[in-house]
Amino acid sequence: MATHSSHYPARYFLQLLDFLDELGVERAAVLRAARIRTIEDPKAQLTLKQLNSLLAAAERLSGRSDLGFELGRRVKTTSHDVLGFALLTSPTFRHALRLLSSYQRLINPAFTLELQHRAGRVDLLYRPTMALTHRVMRVLQETIAVSNHYEFRSLMQRDLPSYEIHFSVERPPHFERYLALAPAHVHWGDLLPGLTISMDAAVLDRPLAMADPRAMQAAEERCVAMMRGGRGSPRWSEWCRMMLREAEDTQPTLEQLARFVNLSARTLSRYLEAENSGFRSLSLQVRTERARHMLAEGDQSVTRIAYRLGYSDVASFIRSFRDRTGQTPGAWRARASLRRVRH
């Protein structure tokens, strides 16, 4: 697993506070609501709990759903400290993507980045490596996609070819803002948790305007030194629970999740056992929790819920739900509705 701690660089969120200041939402009020004293120190780190609290406070006080988009617009290549300098001085776009993949943890430790080549395409696969709340998952995916768009445009001097962005999160209320990312084509609610950016592989060999191999090498050496930090001990059960919870229209298998973090299924299973957990029980728990939540919302058919949870047919969903709860989905929904009326 590529994650090394449950902390996130706070410097990027100073730019979000700057934006909120522009809206008339005082940063002191946001930090106070999030119970965070300050994030002004360039080396400040946020725990994932603090990050979720900060984003929740920012969304509530601003009334905005598009904070990830706005943050992405404000993150520049130079925001990445020495890694940004290495990116700017890369000889080709291929080199820049290699640096992004190798040193992703310095920018966004909550996601790994893998470059995958297939049939004339290159895919940038961002996969979560921490147990994120849905809010953090949503905001970070949008930040990554939007910041990459503007950084890639800058590196290529605005000559960015048509490409695809695939989000795993649902389409947001502000989805029309993504028309500004043309020539990108944006897709929402794609299967397994994470973000995929797909481009024509021909773009890889484009030379970059500020190429300086010696400067890039010196900057990369500093990146290597920064990466030599202590590695934390991730909670594998929390990560698996998050991946299962965020999946749409599919049910990830143990083998799929293991491949995300370069493990064998047997090794991941062993790690779960060491935490007194197991993949099958986690999968059943998460599916049942998600089913209850969707049924309680009351605006989706049982058939739609079954497919969103990755069941191949409605009968399998009904049977599994009844085995776990002692009730059919319809009966559970009726009881939930009655409880709401009484309260």
C-alpha atoms as a PDB file:
ATOM      1  CA  MET A   1       0.000   0.000   0.000  1.00  0.00           C
ATOM      2  CA  ALA A   2       1.447   3.340  -1.016  1.00  0.00           C
ATOM      3  CA  THR A   3       0.163   5.444   1.838  1.00  0.00           C
ATOM      4  CA  HIS A   4       2.686   6.347   4.522  1.00  0.00           C
ATOM      5  CA  SER A   5       0.673   8.382   7.009  1.00  0.00           C
ATOM      6  CA  SER A   6      -2.843   9.614   7.601  1.00  0.00           C
ATOM      7  CA  HIS A   7      -1.774  13.250   7.198  1.00  0.00           C
ATOM      8  CA  TYR A   8      -2.265  15.603   4.284  1.00  0.00           C
ATOM      9  CA  PRO A   9      -0.220  18.721   3.307  1.00  0.00           C
ATOM     10  CA  ALA A  10      -2.140  21.752   4.564  1.00  0.00           C
ATOM     11  CA  ARG A  11      -0.485  24.220   2.163  1.00  0.00           C
ATOM     12  CA  TYR A  12      -2.930  23.458  -0.650  1.00  0.00           C
ATOM     13  CA  PHE A  13      -5.901  24.338   1.526  1.00  0.00           C
ATOM     14  CA  LEU A  14      -4.529  27.781   2.258  1.00  0.00           C
ATOM     15  CA  GLN A  15      -5.546  28.513  -1.328  1.00  0.00           C
ATOM     16  CA  LEU A  16      -9.065  27.319  -0.543  1.00  0.00           C
ATOM     17  CA  LEU A  17      -9.187  29.700   2.438  1.00  0.00           C
ATOM     18  CA  ASP A  18      -8.006  32.511   0.131  1.00  0.00           C
ATOM     19  CA  PHE A  19     -10.961  31.755  -2.161  1.00  0.00           C
ATOM     20  CA  LEU A  20     -13.394  31.760   0.768  1.00  0.00           C
ATOM     21  CA  ASP A  21     -11.997  35.140   1.842  1.00  0.00           C
ATOM     22  CA  GLU A  22     -12.870  36.430  -1.626  1.00  0.00           C
ATOM     23  CA  LEU A  23     -16.449  35.235  -1.065  1.00  0.00           C
ATOM     24  CA  GLY A  24     -16.633  37.078   2.249  1.00  0.00           C
ATOM     25  CA  VAL A  25     -16.309  33.908   4.356  1.00  0.00           C
ATOM     26  CA  GLU A  26     -13.613  34.632   6.924  1.00  0.00           C
ATOM     27  CA  ARG A  27     -10.931  31.962   7.205  1.00  0.00           C
ATOM     28  CA  ALA A  28     -10.928  32.341  10.981  1.00  0.00           C
ATOM     29  CA  ALA A  29     -14.595  31.329  11.044  1.00  0.00           C
ATOM     30  CA  VAL A  30     -13.918  28.271   8.868  1.00  0.00           C
ATOM     31  CA  LEU A  31     -10.980  27.140  10.987  1.00  0.00           C
ATOM     32  CA  ARG A  32     -12.917  27.748  14.179  1.00  0.00           C
ATOM     33  CA  ALA A  33     -15.871  25.698  12.900  1.00  0.00           C
ATOM     34  CA  ALA A  34     -13.451  22.909  11.935  1.00  0.00           C
ATOM     35  CA  ARG A  35     -11.692  23.143  15.323  1.00  0.00           C
ATOM     36  CA  ILE A  36      -8.339  23.791  13.679  1.00  0.00           C
ATOM     37  CA  ARG A  37      -6.096  26.452  15.194  1.00  0.00           C
ATOM     38  CA  THR A  38      -4.029  27.359  12.124  1.00  0.00           C
ATOM     39  CA  ILE A  39      -2.618  25.950   8.875  1.00  0.00           C
ATOM     40  CA  GLU A  40      -0.371  28.894   7.999  1.00  0.00           C
ATOM     41  CA  ASP A  41       2.900  27.011   8.599  1.00  0.00           C
ATOM     42  CA  PRO A  42       4.177  25.795   5.175  1.00  0.00           C
ATOM     43  CA  LYS A  43       4.959  22.416   6.757  1.00  0.00           C
ATOM     44  CA  ALA A  44       1.589  22.071   8.480  1.00  0.00           C
ATOM     45  CA  GLN A  45      -0.226  18.746   8.091  1.00  0.00           C
ATOM     46  CA  LEU A  46      -3.912  17.920   8.437  1.00  0.00           C
ATOM     47  CA  THR A  47      -5.202  14.628   9.724  1.00  0.00           C
ATOM     48  CA  LEU A  48      -7.950  13.126   7.576  1.00  0.00           C
ATOM     49  CA  LYS A  49     -10.428  13.919  10.356  1.00  0.00           C
ATOM     50  CA  GLN A  50      -9.325  17.569  10.303  1.00  0.00           C
ATOM     51  CA  LEU A  51      -9.484  17.649   6.508  1.00  0.00           C
ATOM     52  CA  ASN A  52     -13.047  16.348   6.519  1.00  0.00           C
ATOM     53  CA  SER A  53     -14.015  18.877   9.201  1.00  0.00           C
ATOM     54  CA  LEU A  54     -12.386  21.705   7.239  1.00  0.00           C
ATOM     55  CA  LEU A  55     -14.219  20.809   4.022  1.00  0.00           C
ATOM     56  CA  ALA A  56     -17.526  20.320   5.850  1.00  0.00           C
ATOM     57  CA  ALA A  57     -17.186  23.756   7.474  1.00  0.00           C
ATOM     58  CA  ALA A  58     -16.150  25.382   4.189  1.00  0.00           C
ATOM     59  CA  GLU A  59     -19.118  23.905   2.311  1.00  0.00           C
ATOM     60  CA  ARG A  60     -21.591  24.833   5.046  1.00  0.00           C
ATOM     61  CA  LEU A  61     -20.386  28.413   5.536  1.00  0.00           C
ATOM     62  CA  SER A  62     -19.994  29.165   1.821  1.00  0.00           C
ATOM     63  CA  GLY A  63     -23.020  27.252   0.543  1.00  0.00           C
ATOM     64  CA  ARG A  64     -20.844  26.028  -2.348  1.00  0.00           C
ATOM     65  CA  SER A  65     -20.681  22.495  -3.750  1.00  0.00           C
ATOM     66  CA  ASP A  66     -17.777  23.251  -6.118  1.00  0.00           C
ATOM     67  CA  LEU A  67     -14.912  23.783  -3.669  1.00  0.00           C
ATOM     68  CA  GLY A  68     -12.882  20.932  -5.217  1.00  0.00           C
ATOM     69  CA  PHE A  69     -13.229  22.557  -8.639  1.00  0.00           C
ATOM     70  CA  GLU A  70     -12.212  25.965  -7.274  1.00  0.00           C
ATOM     71  CA  LEU A  71      -9.253  24.531  -5.390  1.00  0.00           C
ATOM     72  CA  GLY A  72      -8.119  22.694  -8.522  1.00  0.00           C
ATOM     73  CA  ARG A  73      -8.167  25.968 -10.478  1.00  0.00           C
ATOM     74  CA  ARG A  74      -5.849  27.534  -7.902  1.00  0.00           C
ATOM     75  CA  VAL A  75      -3.285  24.740  -7.615  1.00  0.00           C
ATOM     76  CA  LYS A  76      -0.418  25.539  -9.982  1.00  0.00           C
ATOM     77  CA  THR A  77       2.656  23.538 -10.929  1.00  0.00           C
ATOM     78  CA  THR A  78       4.659  25.880  -8.707  1.00  0.00           C
ATOM     79  CA  SER A  79       2.386  24.954  -5.764  1.00  0.00           C
ATOM     80  CA  HIS A  80       4.225  21.620  -5.568  1.00  0.00           C
ATOM     81  CA  ASP A  81       7.449  23.108  -4.222  1.00  0.00           C
ATOM     82  CA  VAL A  82      10.586  21.406  -5.574  1.00  0.00           C
ATOM     83  CA  LEU A  83       8.547  18.768  -7.427  1.00  0.00           C
ATOM     84  CA  GLY A  84       6.875  21.569  -9.359  1.00  0.00           C
ATOM     85  CA  PHE A  85      10.276  22.818 -10.486  1.00  0.00           C
ATOM     86  CA  ALA A  86      11.198  19.298 -11.604  1.00  0.00           C
ATOM     87  CA  LEU A  87       7.960  19.092 -13.630  1.00  0.00           C
ATOM     88  CA  LEU A  88       8.558  22.452 -15.302  1.00  0.00           C
ATOM     89  CA  THR A  89      12.109  21.539 -16.339  1.00  0.00           C
ATOM     90  CA  SER A  90      11.232  18.066 -17.674  1.00  0.00           C
ATOM     91  CA  PRO A  91      12.358  17.511 -21.293  1.00  0.00           C
ATOM     92  CA  THR A  92       9.097  15.855 -22.411  1.00  0.00           C
ATOM     93  CA  PHE A  93       5.556  15.308 -21.176  1.00  0.00           C
ATOM     94  CA  ARG A  94       6.473  11.641 -20.638  1.00  0.00           C
ATOM     95  CA  HIS A  95       9.157  12.684 -18.150  1.00  0.00           C
ATOM     96  CA  ALA A  96       6.713  14.987 -16.360  1.00  0.00           C
ATOM     97  CA  LEU A  97       4.157  12.190 -15.956  1.00  0.00           C
ATOM     98  CA  ARG A  98       6.867   9.851 -14.688  1.00  0.00           C
ATOM     99  CA  LEU A  99       7.768  12.394 -12.013  1.00  0.00           C
ATOM    100  CA  LEU A 100       4.115  12.819 -11.060  1.00  0.00           C
ATOM    101  CA  SER A 101       3.728   9.066 -10.703  1.00  0.00           C
ATOM    102  CA  SER A 102       6.955   8.566  -8.747  1.00  0.00           C
ATOM    103  CA  TYR A 103       6.456  11.428  -6.302  1.00  0.00           C
ATOM    104  CA  GLN A 104       2.660  11.566  -6.051  1.00  0.00           C
ATOM    105  CA  ARG A 105       2.875  11.231  -2.265  1.00  0.00           C
ATOM    106  CA  LEU A 106       4.505  14.669  -2.018  1.00  0.00           C
ATOM    107  CA  ILE A 107       1.408  16.230  -3.619  1.00  0.00           C
ATOM    108  CA  ASN A 108      -1.496  14.031  -2.589  1.00  0.00           C
ATOM    109  CA  PRO A 109      -0.686  11.157  -0.214  1.00  0.00           C
ATOM    110  CA  ALA A 110      -4.313   9.994  -0.265  1.00  0.00           C
ATOM    111  CA  PHE A 111      -3.942   8.638  -3.827  1.00  0.00           C
ATOM    112  CA  THR A 112      -1.409   6.649  -5.799  1.00  0.00           C
ATOM    113  CA  LEU A 113      -0.841   7.397  -9.474  1.00  0.00           C
ATOM    114  CA  GLU A 114      -0.107   4.617 -11.946  1.00  0.00           C
ATOM    115  CA  LEU A 115       0.561   5.118 -15.662  1.00  0.00           C
ATOM    116  CA  GLN A 116      -0.951   2.407 -17.843  1.00  0.00           C
ATOM    117  CA  HIS A 117      -0.412   2.007 -21.579  1.00  0.00           C
ATOM    118  CA  ARG A 118      -2.969   0.368 -23.877  1.00  0.00           C
ATOM    119  CA  ALA A 119      -3.667   0.453 -27.632  1.00  0.00           C
ATOM    120  CA  GLY A 120      -2.256   3.885 -28.351  1.00  0.00           C
ATOM    121  CA  ARG A 121      -3.550   5.415 -25.106  1.00  0.00           C
ATOM    122  CA  VAL A 122      -1.965   6.333 -21.798  1.00  0.00           C
ATOM    123  CA  ASP A 123      -4.154   6.181 -18.676  1.00  0.00           C
ATOM    124  CA  LEU A 124      -3.404   8.012 -15.454  1.00  0.00           C
ATOM    125  CA  LEU A 125      -4.984   5.865 -12.745  1.00  0.00           C
ATOM    126  CA  TYR A 126      -5.483   7.617  -9.408  1.00  0.00           C
ATOM    127  CA  ARG A 127      -6.476   5.155  -6.684  1.00  0.00           C
ATOM    128  CA  PRO A 128      -7.196   6.010  -3.015  1.00  0.00           C
ATOM    129  CA  THR A 129      -4.839   4.562  -0.438  1.00  0.00           C
ATOM    130  CA  MET A 130      -6.454   5.994   2.679  1.00  0.00           C
ATOM    131  CA  ALA A 131      -9.874   5.423   4.215  1.00  0.00           C
ATOM    132  CA  LEU A 132     -11.492   8.661   3.019  1.00  0.00           C
ATOM    133  CA  THR A 133     -14.962   9.965   3.778  1.00  0.00           C
ATOM    134  CA  HIS A 134     -17.150  10.453   0.725  1.00  0.00           C
ATOM    135  CA  ARG A 135     -16.814  14.241   1.042  1.00  0.00           C
ATOM    136  CA  VAL A 136     -12.999  14.105   1.016  1.00  0.00           C
ATOM    137  CA  MET A 137     -13.057  11.583  -1.840  1.00  0.00           C
ATOM    138  CA  ARG A 138     -15.291  13.873  -3.892  1.00  0.00           C
ATOM    139  CA  VAL A 139     -13.342  17.090  -3.260  1.00  0.00           C
ATOM    140  CA  LEU A 140      -9.930  15.506  -3.830  1.00  0.00           C
ATOM    141  CA  GLN A 141     -10.986  13.834  -7.083  1.00  0.00           C
ATOM    142  CA  GLU A 142     -12.241  17.161  -8.419  1.00  0.00           C
ATOM    143  CA  THR A 143      -9.101  18.960  -7.254  1.00  0.00           C
ATOM    144  CA  ILE A 144      -6.849  16.423  -8.971  1.00  0.00           C
ATOM    145  CA  ALA A 145      -8.768  16.518 -12.263  1.00  0.00           C
ATOM    146  CA  VAL A 146      -9.032  20.299 -12.500  1.00  0.00           C
ATOM    147  CA  SER A 147      -5.481  21.056 -11.336  1.00  0.00           C
ATOM    148  CA  ASN A 148      -4.083  18.477 -13.779  1.00  0.00           C
ATOM    149  CA  HIS A 149      -6.028  20.061 -16.620  1.00  0.00           C
ATOM    150  CA  TYR A 150      -4.549  23.504 -16.052  1.00  0.00           C
ATOM    151  CA  GLU A 151      -1.065  22.195 -15.257  1.00  0.00           C
ATOM    152  CA  PHE A 152      -1.003  20.073 -18.420  1.00  0.00           C
ATOM    153  CA  ARG A 153      -2.189  23.060 -20.455  1.00  0.00           C
ATOM    154  CA  SER A 154       0.593  25.154 -18.977  1.00  0.00           C
ATOM    155  CA  LEU A 155       3.271  22.535 -19.649  1.00  0.00           C
ATOM    156  CA  MET A 156       2.095  22.153 -23.269  1.00  0.00           C
ATOM    157  CA  GLN A 157       1.662  25.902 -23.757  1.00  0.00           C
ATOM    158  CA  ARG A 158      -2.143  25.561 -24.011  1.00  0.00           C
ATOM    159  CA  ASP A 159      -1.955  23.041 -26.891  1.00  0.00           C
ATOM    160  CA  LEU A 160      -3.781  20.295 -24.981  1.00  0.00           C
ATOM    161  CA  PRO A 161      -5.379  17.577 -27.148  1.00  0.00           C
ATOM    162  CA  SER A 162      -8.798  16.023 -26.515  1.00  0.00           C
ATOM    163  CA  TYR A 163      -8.795  13.595 -23.576  1.00  0.00           C
ATOM    164  CA  GLU A 164     -11.125  11.787 -21.137  1.00  0.00           C
ATOM    165  CA  ILE A 165     -11.734  12.248 -17.402  1.00  0.00           C
ATOM    166  CA  HIS A 166     -13.546   9.454 -15.553  1.00  0.00           C
ATOM    167  CA  PHE A 167     -14.705  10.178 -11.988  1.00  0.00           C
ATOM    168  CA  SER A 168     -15.966   7.462  -9.669  1.00  0.00           C
ATOM    169  CA  VAL A 169     -18.020   9.991  -7.681  1.00  0.00           C
ATOM    170  CA  GLU A 170     -21.524  10.968  -8.756  1.00  0.00           C
ATOM    171  CA  ARG A 171     -22.216  13.927 -11.028  1.00  0.00           C
ATOM    172  CA  PRO A 172     -22.249  17.077  -8.827  1.00  0.00           C
ATOM    173  CA  PRO A 173     -24.740  19.964  -8.952  1.00  0.00           C
ATOM    174  CA  HIS A 174     -22.084  22.134 -10.606  1.00  0.00           C
ATOM    175  CA  PHE A 175     -21.243  19.641 -13.371  1.00  0.00           C
ATOM    176  CA  GLU A 176     -21.721  22.279 -16.087  1.00  0.00           C
ATOM    177  CA  ARG A 177     -18.599  24.030 -14.841  1.00  0.00           C
ATOM    178  CA  TYR A 178     -16.628  21.196 -16.412  1.00  0.00           C
ATOM    179  CA  LEU A 179     -17.503  22.547 -19.866  1.00  0.00           C
ATOM    180  CA  ALA A 180     -14.698  25.010 -19.168  1.00  0.00           C
ATOM    181  CA  LEU A 181     -12.222  22.115 -19.272  1.00  0.00           C
ATOM    182  CA  ALA A 182     -12.689  21.574 -23.015  1.00  0.00           C
ATOM    183  CA  PRO A 183     -11.285  19.675 -24.843  1.00  0.00           C
ATOM    184  CA  ALA A 184     -11.736  17.270 -21.910  1.00  0.00           C
ATOM    185  CA  HIS A 185     -14.727  14.913 -22.016  1.00  0.00           C
ATOM    186  CA  VAL A 186     -15.978  14.226 -18.483  1.00  0.00           C
ATOM    187  CA  HIS A 187     -17.747  11.070 -17.225  1.00  0.00           C
ATOM    188  CA  TRP A 188     -19.274  10.531 -13.760  1.00  0.00           C
ATOM    189  CA  GLY A 189     -20.032   7.559 -11.516  1.00  0.00           C
ATOM    190  CA  ASP A 190     -17.552   5.120 -13.047  1.00  0.00           C
ATOM    191  CA  LEU A 191     -17.286   1.787 -11.249  1.00  0.00           C
ATOM    192  CA  LEU A 192     -14.366   1.414  -8.819  1.00  0.00           C
ATOM    193  CA  PRO A 193     -13.275   4.293  -6.547  1.00  0.00           C
ATOM    194  CA  GLY A 194     -10.722   6.647  -8.040  1.00  0.00           C
ATOM    195  CA  LEU A 195     -10.071   8.868 -11.012  1.00  0.00           C
ATOM    196  CA  THR A 196      -8.847   7.980 -14.508  1.00  0.00           C
ATOM    197  CA  ILE A 197      -7.467  10.435 -17.061  1.00  0.00           C
ATOM    198  CA  SER A 198      -6.993   8.936 -20.530  1.00  0.00           C
ATOM    199  CA  MET A 199      -5.001  10.514 -23.372  1.00  0.00           C
ATOM    200  CA  ASP A 200      -3.604   9.700 -26.772  1.00  0.00           C
ATOM    201  CA  ALA A 201      -0.136   8.218 -26.167  1.00  0.00           C
ATOM    202  CA  ALA A 202       1.303  10.434 -28.917  1.00  0.00           C
ATOM    203  CA  VAL A 203       1.233  13.317 -26.444  1.00  0.00           C
ATOM    204  CA  LEU A 204       3.927  11.662 -24.326  1.00  0.00           C
ATOM    205  CA  ASP A 205       6.831  12.650 -26.575  1.00  0.00           C
ATOM    206  CA  ARG A 206       5.969  16.325 -26.783  1.00  0.00           C
ATOM    207  CA  PRO A 207       8.943  18.497 -25.788  1.00  0.00           C
ATOM    208  CA  LEU A 208       8.323  21.006 -23.003  1.00  0.00           C
ATOM    209  CA  ALA A 209       9.292  24.661 -23.335  1.00  0.00           C
ATOM    210  CA  MET A 210      11.331  24.996 -20.111  1.00  0.00           C
ATOM    211  CA  ALA A 211      13.273  21.747 -20.513  1.00  0.00           C
ATOM    212  CA  ASP A 212      16.490  21.693 -18.467  1.00  0.00           C
ATOM    213  CA  PRO A 213      17.622  18.094 -17.765  1.00  0.00           C
ATOM    214  CA  ARG A 214      20.311  19.102 -15.255  1.00  0.00           C
ATOM    215  CA  ALA A 215      17.920  21.271 -13.272  1.00  0.00           C
ATOM    216  CA  MET A 216      15.331  18.494 -13.385  1.00  0.00           C
ATOM    217  CA  GLN A 217      17.833  15.945 -12.096  1.00  0.00           C
ATOM    218  CA  ALA A 218      18.865  18.183  -9.197  1.00  0.00           C
ATOM    219  CA  ALA A 219      15.220  18.806  -8.295  1.00  0.00           C
ATOM    220  CA  GLU A 220      14.424  15.100  -8.476  1.00  0.00           C
ATOM    221  CA  GLU A 221      17.296  14.310  -6.099  1.00  0.00           C
ATOM    222  CA  ARG A 222      15.651  16.609  -3.568  1.00  0.00           C
ATOM    223  CA  CYS A 223      12.331  14.841  -4.151  1.00  0.00           C
ATOM    224  CA  VAL A 224      13.979  11.504  -3.394  1.00  0.00           C
ATOM    225  CA  ALA A 225      15.309  12.887  -0.115  1.00  0.00           C
ATOM    226  CA  MET A 226      11.842  14.185   0.803  1.00  0.00           C
ATOM    227  CA  MET A 227      10.337  10.749   0.133  1.00  0.00           C
ATOM    228  CA  ARG A 228      12.636   9.083   2.674  1.00  0.00           C
ATOM    229  CA  GLY A 229      10.183   9.486   5.501  1.00  0.00           C
ATOM    230  CA  GLY A 230       8.895   6.954   7.953  1.00  0.00           C
ATOM    231  CA  ARG A 231       6.111   4.724   6.744  1.00  0.00           C
ATOM    232  CA  GLY A 232       2.930   4.466   8.732  1.00  0.00           C
ATOM    233  CA  SER A 233       0.891   1.359   9.328  1.00  0.00           C
ATOM    234  CA  PRO A 234      -2.359   1.659   7.363  1.00  0.00           C
ATOM    235  CA  ARG A 235      -5.545   0.038   8.589  1.00  0.00           C
ATOM    236  CA  TRP A 236      -6.320  -2.319   5.739  1.00  0.00           C
ATOM    237  CA  SER A 237      -9.853  -3.018   6.922  1.00  0.00           C
ATOM    238  CA  GLU A 238     -10.686   0.715   6.885  1.00  0.00           C
ATOM    239  CA  TRP A 239      -9.250   1.077   3.377  1.00  0.00           C
ATOM    240  CA  CYS A 240     -11.170  -1.964   2.072  1.00  0.00           C
ATOM    241  CA  ARG A 241     -14.373  -0.680   3.669  1.00  0.00           C
ATOM    242  CA  MET A 242     -13.922   2.685   1.941  1.00  0.00           C
ATOM    243  CA  MET A 243     -13.229   1.068  -1.453  1.00  0.00           C
ATOM    244  CA  LEU A 244     -16.319  -1.131  -1.125  1.00  0.00           C
ATOM    245  CA  ARG A 245     -18.456   1.798   0.012  1.00  0.00           C
ATOM    246  CA  GLU A 246     -17.428   4.056  -2.881  1.00  0.00           C
ATOM    247  CA  ALA A 247     -17.854   1.475  -5.672  1.00  0.00           C
ATOM    248  CA  GLU A 248     -20.781   2.075  -8.038  1.00  0.00           C
ATOM    249  CA  ASP A 249     -22.597  -0.572 -10.123  1.00  0.00           C
ATOM    250  CA  THR A 250     -20.029  -3.183  -9.166  1.00  0.00           C
ATOM    251  CA  GLN A 251     -18.764  -5.108  -6.163  1.00  0.00           C
ATOM    252  CA  PRO A 252     -14.955  -5.129  -6.020  1.00  0.00           C
ATOM    253  CA  THR A 253     -13.370  -8.507  -5.422  1.00  0.00           C
ATOM    254  CA  LEU A 254     -10.500  -9.227  -3.062  1.00  0.00           C
ATOM    255  CA  GLU A 255      -8.279  -9.805  -6.104  1.00  0.00           C
ATOM    256  CA  GLN A 256      -9.160  -6.406  -7.625  1.00  0.00           C
ATOM    257  CA  LEU A 257      -8.436  -4.507  -4.432  1.00  0.00           C
ATOM    258  CA  ALA A 258      -5.181  -6.366  -3.923  1.00  0.00           C
ATOM    259  CA  ARG A 259      -4.030  -5.411  -7.429  1.00  0.00           C
ATOM    260  CA  PHE A 260      -4.664  -1.723  -6.657  1.00  0.00           C
ATOM    261  CA  VAL A 261      -1.997  -1.830  -3.958  1.00  0.00           C
ATOM    262  CA  ASN A 262       0.382  -4.303  -5.636  1.00  0.00           C
ATOM    263  CA  LEU A 263      -0.376  -7.175  -3.282  1.00  0.00           C
ATOM    264  CA  SER A 264      -1.496 -10.730  -3.801  1.00  0.00           C
ATOM    265  CA  ALA A 265      -5.036 -11.561  -2.691  1.00  0.00           C
ATOM    266  CA  ARG A 266      -3.572 -13.948  -0.126  1.00  0.00           C
ATOM    267  CA  THR A 267      -1.386 -11.207   1.403  1.00  0.00           C
ATOM    268  CA  LEU A 268      -4.264  -8.724   1.629  1.00  0.00           C
ATOM    269  CA  SER A 269      -6.434 -11.413   3.197  1.00  0.00           C
ATOM    270  CA  ARG A 270      -3.703 -12.099   5.754  1.00  0.00           C
ATOM    271  CA  TYR A 271      -3.444  -8.384   6.605  1.00  0.00           C
ATOM    272  CA  LEU A 272      -7.206  -8.259   7.180  1.00  0.00           C
ATOM    273  CA  GLU A 273      -7.054 -11.335   9.421  1.00  0.00           C
ATOM    274  CA  ALA A 274      -4.351  -9.616  11.495  1.00  0.00           C
ATOM    275  CA  GLU A 275      -6.909  -6.859  12.160  1.00  0.00           C
ATOM    276  CA  ASN A 276      -9.542  -9.457  13.156  1.00  0.00           C
ATOM    277  CA  SER A 277     -11.424  -8.822   9.949  1.00  0.00           C
ATOM    278  CA  GLY A 278     -12.132 -10.614   6.686  1.00  0.00           C
ATOM    279  CA  PHE A 279     -12.998  -9.548   3.174  1.00  0.00           C
ATOM    280  CA  ARG A 280     -16.266 -11.465   2.891  1.00  0.00           C
ATOM    281  CA  SER A 281     -17.664 -10.110   6.161  1.00  0.00           C
ATOM    282  CA  LEU A 282     -16.578  -6.557   5.256  1.00  0.00           C
ATOM    283  CA  SER A 283     -18.203  -6.862   1.845  1.00  0.00           C
ATOM    284  CA  LEU A 284     -21.512  -8.067   3.311  1.00  0.00           C
ATOM    285  CA  GLN A 285     -21.495  -5.381   6.020  1.00  0.00           C
ATOM    286  CA  VAL A 286     -20.831  -2.544   3.580  1.00  0.00           C
ATOM    287  CA  ARG A 287     -23.405  -3.768   1.071  1.00  0.00           C
ATOM    288  CA  THR A 288     -26.055  -3.996   3.792  1.00  0.00           C
ATOM    289  CA  GLU A 289     -25.180  -0.549   5.197  1.00  0.00           C
ATOM    290  CA  ARG A 290     -25.357   1.015   1.739  1.00  0.00           C
ATOM    291  CA  ALA A 291     -28.635  -0.787   0.975  1.00  0.00           C
ATOM    292  CA  ARG A 292     -30.224   0.518   4.176  1.00  0.00           C
ATOM    293  CA  HIS A 293     -29.116   4.063   3.405  1.00  0.00           C
ATOM    294  CA  MET A 294     -30.429   3.968  -0.178  1.00  0.00           C
ATOM    295  CA  LEU A 295     -33.727   2.399   0.883  1.00  0.00           C
ATOM    296  CA  ALA A 296     -34.190   5.016   3.596  1.00  0.00           C
ATOM    297  CA  GLU A 297     -33.712   7.795   1.041  1.00  0.00           C
ATOM    298  CA  GLY A 298     -36.835   6.392  -0.635  1.00  0.00           C
ATOM    299  CA  ASP A 299     -36.323   7.817  -4.143  1.00  0.00           C
ATOM    300  CA  GLN A 300     -34.759   4.803  -5.908  1.00  0.00           C
ATOM    301  CA  SER A 301     -36.371   1.556  -6.957  1.00  0.00           C
ATOM    302  CA  VAL A 302     -35.236  -1.704  -5.399  1.00  0.00           C
ATOM    303  CA  THR A 303     -34.030  -2.764  -8.855  1.00  0.00           C
ATOM    304  CA  ARG A 304     -31.851   0.335  -9.236  1.00  0.00           C
ATOM    305  CA  ILE A 305     -30.407  -0.157  -5.739  1.00  0.00           C
ATOM    306  CA  ALA A 306     -29.580  -3.785  -6.518  1.00  0.00           C
ATOM    307  CA  TYR A 307     -27.574  -2.818  -9.592  1.00  0.00           C
ATOM    308  CA  ARG A 308     -25.863   0.104  -7.840  1.00  0.00           C
ATOM    309  CA  LEU A 309     -24.656  -2.385  -5.241  1.00  0.00           C
ATOM    310  CA  GLY A 310     -23.245  -4.667  -7.929  1.00  0.00           C
ATOM    311  CA  TYR A 311     -25.809  -7.486  -7.752  1.00  0.00           C
ATOM    312  CA  SER A 312     -26.380  -9.319 -11.019  1.00  0.00           C
ATOM    313  CA  ASP A 313     -30.152  -9.525 -10.425  1.00  0.00           C
ATOM    314  CA  VAL A 314     -32.796  -8.231  -8.020  1.00  0.00           C
ATOM    315  CA  ALA A 315     -33.573 -11.657  -6.579  1.00  0.00           C
ATOM    316  CA  SER A 316     -29.984 -12.039  -5.334  1.00  0.00           C
ATOM    317  CA  PHE A 317     -30.167  -8.637  -3.644  1.00  0.00           C
ATOM    318  CA  ILE A 318     -33.488  -9.414  -1.940  1.00  0.00           C
ATOM    319  CA  ARG A 319     -32.230 -12.793  -0.725  1.00  0.00           C
ATOM    320  CA  SER A 320     -28.954 -11.349   0.619  1.00  0.00           C
ATOM    321  CA  PHE A 321     -30.680  -8.413   2.325  1.00  0.00           C
ATOM    322  CA  ARG A 322     -33.253 -10.705   3.968  1.00  0.00           C
ATOM    323  CA  ASP A 323     -30.502 -13.038   5.213  1.00  0.00           C
ATOM    324  CA  ARG A 324     -28.687 -10.069   6.809  1.00  0.00           C
ATOM    325  CA  THR A 325     -31.642  -8.162   8.233  1.00  0.00           C
ATOM    326  CA  GLY A 326     -34.539 -10.606   8.491  1.00  0.00           C
ATOM    327  CA  GLN A 327     -36.636  -8.380   6.224  1.00  0.00           C
ATOM    328  CA  THR A 328     -37.112  -7.833   2.504  1.00  0.00           C
ATOM    329  CA  PRO A 329     -35.904  -4.481   1.121  1.00  0.00           C
ATOM    330  CA  GLY A 330     -39.534  -3.427   0.585  1.00  0.00           C
ATOM    331  CA  ALA A 331     -40.520  -4.224   4.160  1.00  0.00           C
ATOM    332  CA  TRP A 332     -37.440  -2.460   5.547  1.00  0.00           C
ATOM    333  CA  ARG A 333     -38.194   0.653   3.457  1.00  0.00           C
ATOM    334  CA  ALA A 334     -41.819   0.702   4.656  1.00  0.00           C
ATOM    335  CA  ARG A 335     -40.720   0.492   8.296  1.00  0.00           C
ATOM    336  CA  ALA A 336     -38.084   3.227   7.795  1.00  0.00           C
ATOM    337  CA  SER A 337     -40.735   5.455   6.208  1.00  0.00           C
ATOM    338  CA  LEU A 338     -43.103   4.836   9.120  1.00  0.00           C
ATOM    339  CA  ARG A 339     -40.390   5.716  11.653  1.00  0.00           C
ATOM    340  CA  ARG A 340     -39.764   9.016   9.824  1.00  0.00           C
ATOM    341  CA  VAL A 341     -43.473   9.888   9.947  1.00  0.00           C
ATOM    342  CA  ARG A 342     -43.662   9.194  13.692  1.00  0.00           C
ATOM    343  CA  HIS A 343     -40.679  11.408  14.380  1.00  0.00           C
END
